[in-house]
Amino acid sequence: MRRPCFFFAHNRCMTAQPISIRLFQPADAAAFRALNEAWITRYFKLEAPDFTILGDPEGHIIAPGGQILIAECDGGIAGCCALIPHGERCFELGKMAVDPRFQNCGLGGALLRAARDYARQQGARSLYLETNSGLAPALHLYQRHGFRRVDDREAAPAAYVRGDVRMVLNL
C-alpha cells in the first residue's frame, strides 16, 4: 500500500520533505518499537502487552491478519500505527506514534486516513481503539476523524491500565 507523497510545510514542522505511508517491512521493527516506547514512557509506563506486541510485531499483529502502517520521510520513519484484528470485521487501531519532529503537522490524520482505507479494503466494518482521557490532542484527532466514544460498562476490561476511553469508527 504505497500512498502518494505529500508535503508538510507548516511552521511547527521540522521538514517540508515528502511523506509517504507504506506497509510494514521487517526492518521497521526497531523503529516501530522505539517510537511507541518513547510516547508511552513519556506519559505512562510500559505494560506487559506493550512488551509482547513491541517485541514481536510480526507475530502479534501481522501474522493474525493485521497490519502496521509506516509513515516515512526522507528515508526515515516519522510515524506508525497498527491495525490489530479485533473480533469479526473489526480492527483495533493501536500503537499509533508520531516522531515529535512531525507532530502538529497532520501526520496523525494521514495515518488515520490510511488506516481507515486499509481496513475498508480488508472488508472491516469498524475500527476500535482505546486511549487515555488525559491525551487531549489524541482524543481531538480521533473525534475529528469520526471516532465516537462508546459506553464500556459491559465490555471486557481494557487491555492496558492506561486505556480509560474506548472509541469506535463505523466504516
Protein backbone atom coordinates (compact mmCIF):
# COMPACT_ATOMS: atom_id res chain seq x y z
CA MET A 1 0.00 0.00 0.00
CA ARG A 2 2.05 2.90 -1.29
CA ARG A 3 0.48 6.28 -0.69
CA PRO A 4 1.29 9.26 -2.85
CA CYS A 5 3.78 11.58 -1.28
CA PHE A 6 2.53 14.79 0.23
CA PHE A 7 4.35 17.70 1.74
CA PHE A 8 4.27 19.17 5.21
CA ALA A 9 5.20 22.81 5.07
CA HIS A 10 3.90 24.05 8.37
CA ASN A 11 5.62 26.48 10.68
CA ARG A 12 5.62 23.92 13.51
CA CYS A 13 7.06 21.13 11.36
CA MET A 14 10.71 20.37 11.01
CA THR A 15 10.51 19.43 7.32
CA ALA A 16 8.94 20.22 4.01
CA GLN A 17 10.06 16.84 2.64
CA PRO A 18 7.58 14.41 1.10
CA ILE A 19 5.91 11.92 3.40
CA SER A 20 4.71 8.53 2.19
CA ILE A 21 2.71 5.90 4.01
CA ARG A 22 3.56 2.29 3.31
CA LEU A 23 3.13 -1.19 4.75
CA PHE A 24 5.45 -2.55 7.44
CA GLN A 25 8.67 -4.30 6.46
CA PRO A 26 10.67 -6.50 8.88
CA ALA A 27 13.45 -3.88 9.03
CA ASP A 28 10.91 -1.41 10.54
CA ALA A 29 10.54 -3.38 13.79
CA ALA A 30 13.17 -1.42 15.77
CA ALA A 31 11.76 1.97 14.75
CA PHE A 32 8.19 0.80 15.46
CA ARG A 33 9.28 -0.23 18.93
CA ALA A 34 11.31 2.94 19.60
CA LEU A 35 8.53 5.32 18.51
CA ASN A 36 5.99 3.55 20.70
CA GLU A 37 8.25 3.18 23.74
CA ALA A 38 9.08 6.90 23.54
CA TRP A 39 5.48 8.14 23.70
CA ILE A 40 4.32 5.54 26.20
CA THR A 41 7.12 6.22 28.68
CA ARG A 42 6.61 9.97 28.25
CA TYR A 43 3.08 9.75 29.70
CA PHE A 44 2.73 6.30 31.28
CA LYS A 45 4.72 3.16 31.90
CA LEU A 46 5.18 0.18 29.64
CA GLU A 47 2.83 -2.69 30.46
CA ALA A 48 3.07 -6.41 29.77
CA PRO A 49 1.07 -6.24 26.49
CA ASP A 50 3.42 -3.49 25.25
CA PHE A 51 6.45 -5.71 25.73
CA THR A 52 4.70 -8.60 23.98
CA ILE A 53 3.50 -6.65 20.94
CA LEU A 54 6.55 -4.41 20.54
CA GLY A 55 8.86 -7.39 20.97
CA ASP A 56 7.31 -9.26 18.04
CA PRO A 57 5.04 -7.06 15.93
CA GLU A 58 5.04 -9.51 13.03
CA GLY A 59 3.93 -12.38 15.25
CA HIS A 60 1.33 -10.44 17.26
CA ILE A 61 -0.06 -8.01 14.68
CA ILE A 62 0.65 -9.15 11.12
CA ALA A 63 0.50 -12.96 11.46
CA PRO A 64 -3.05 -12.93 12.92
CA GLY A 65 -4.24 -10.81 9.96
CA GLY A 66 -3.37 -7.26 10.98
CA GLN A 67 -1.04 -4.69 9.50
CA ILE A 68 1.31 -1.89 10.51
CA LEU A 69 1.41 1.33 8.52
CA ILE A 70 4.66 3.26 8.37
CA ALA A 71 4.94 6.98 7.59
CA GLU A 72 8.29 7.67 6.01
CA CYS A 73 10.08 10.94 5.31
CA ASP A 74 13.43 11.33 3.58
CA GLY A 75 14.28 7.66 4.17
CA GLY A 76 13.44 7.75 7.89
CA ILE A 77 10.38 6.64 9.81
CA ALA A 78 8.27 9.57 11.02
CA GLY A 79 5.28 7.67 12.42
CA CYS A 80 3.34 4.43 12.55
CA CYS A 81 0.09 2.78 13.55
CA ALA A 82 -1.11 -0.78 13.82
CA LEU A 83 -4.33 -2.42 12.74
CA ILE A 84 -4.85 -5.41 15.02
CA PRO A 85 -7.68 -7.89 14.33
CA HIS A 86 -10.40 -7.24 16.91
CA GLY A 87 -13.38 -9.52 16.56
CA GLU A 88 -15.20 -10.12 13.34
CA ARG A 89 -14.76 -7.47 10.62
CA CYS A 90 -13.12 -5.04 13.03
CA PHE A 91 -9.59 -3.82 13.57
CA GLU A 92 -8.21 -2.22 16.69
CA LEU A 93 -6.23 0.89 15.88
CA GLY A 94 -3.24 0.73 18.18
CA LYS A 95 0.40 1.57 18.67
CA MET A 96 0.00 4.88 16.87
CA ALA A 97 3.07 7.05 17.32
CA VAL A 98 4.47 10.12 15.59
CA ASP A 99 8.03 11.35 15.96
CA PRO A 100 7.87 14.67 17.91
CA ARG A 101 9.51 16.47 14.97
CA PHE A 102 6.41 15.68 12.90
CA GLN A 103 3.68 16.31 15.46
CA ASN A 104 1.10 19.02 14.76
CA CYS A 105 1.75 18.68 11.03
CA GLY A 106 -1.16 16.50 10.00
CA LEU A 107 0.77 13.24 10.01
CA GLY A 108 -1.54 11.64 12.60
CA GLY A 109 -4.53 12.43 10.41
CA ALA A 110 -2.77 11.00 7.37
CA LEU A 111 -2.08 7.78 9.27
CA LEU A 112 -5.71 7.60 10.39
CA ARG A 113 -6.98 8.05 6.83
CA ALA A 114 -4.58 5.36 5.58
CA ALA A 115 -5.66 3.02 8.39
CA ARG A 116 -9.34 3.60 7.58
CA ASP A 117 -8.71 2.95 3.88
CA TYR A 118 -6.73 -0.21 4.60
CA ALA A 119 -9.41 -1.53 6.95
CA ARG A 120 -12.11 -0.92 4.35
CA GLN A 121 -10.04 -2.73 1.71
CA GLN A 122 -9.87 -5.71 4.05
CA GLY A 123 -13.65 -5.76 4.48
CA ALA A 124 -13.73 -4.35 8.00
CA ARG A 125 -16.88 -2.64 9.18
CA SER A 126 -15.34 -0.74 12.08
CA LEU A 127 -12.20 0.50 13.77
CA TYR A 128 -11.90 0.35 17.55
CA LEU A 129 -9.39 1.99 19.83
CA GLU A 130 -8.54 2.51 23.47
CA THR A 131 -6.86 5.70 24.60
CA ASN A 132 -6.49 7.79 27.71
CA SER A 133 -8.64 10.71 28.82
CA GLY A 134 -5.50 12.73 29.59
CA LEU A 135 -4.34 12.69 25.96
CA ALA A 136 -6.45 15.61 24.76
CA PRO A 137 -4.70 16.05 21.38
CA ALA A 138 -5.22 12.35 20.58
CA LEU A 139 -8.89 12.48 21.62
CA HIS A 140 -9.44 15.56 19.47
CA LEU A 141 -7.74 13.89 16.49
CA TYR A 142 -9.86 10.76 16.79
CA GLN A 143 -13.09 12.74 17.17
CA ARG A 144 -12.20 14.95 14.22
CA HIS A 145 -11.85 11.80 12.11
CA GLY A 146 -15.24 10.43 13.09
CA PHE A 147 -14.48 8.21 16.08
CA ARG A 148 -17.08 8.34 18.82
CA ARG A 149 -16.86 7.27 22.43
CA VAL A 150 -18.59 4.04 23.33
CA ASP A 151 -20.09 3.00 26.63
CA ASP A 152 -17.75 0.38 28.01
CA ARG A 153 -19.62 -0.71 31.15
CA GLU A 154 -20.42 -4.10 29.64
CA ALA A 155 -17.25 -4.55 27.63
CA ALA A 156 -14.26 -6.66 28.57
CA PRO A 157 -11.60 -4.94 30.67
CA ALA A 158 -9.22 -2.69 28.76
CA ALA A 159 -6.02 -4.36 27.59
CA TYR A 160 -3.98 -1.57 29.22
CA VAL A 161 -4.35 0.17 32.57
CA ARG A 162 -3.98 3.49 30.72
CA GLY A 163 -6.93 2.65 28.40
CA ASP A 164 -9.80 4.52 30.07
CA VAL A 165 -11.53 5.73 26.87
CA ARG A 166 -12.90 3.48 24.15
CA MET A 167 -13.87 4.75 20.74
CA VAL A 168 -15.22 3.29 17.51
CA LEU A 169 -15.45 4.39 13.88
CA ASN A 170 -18.04 2.68 11.73
CA LEU A 171 -16.81 2.15 8.21
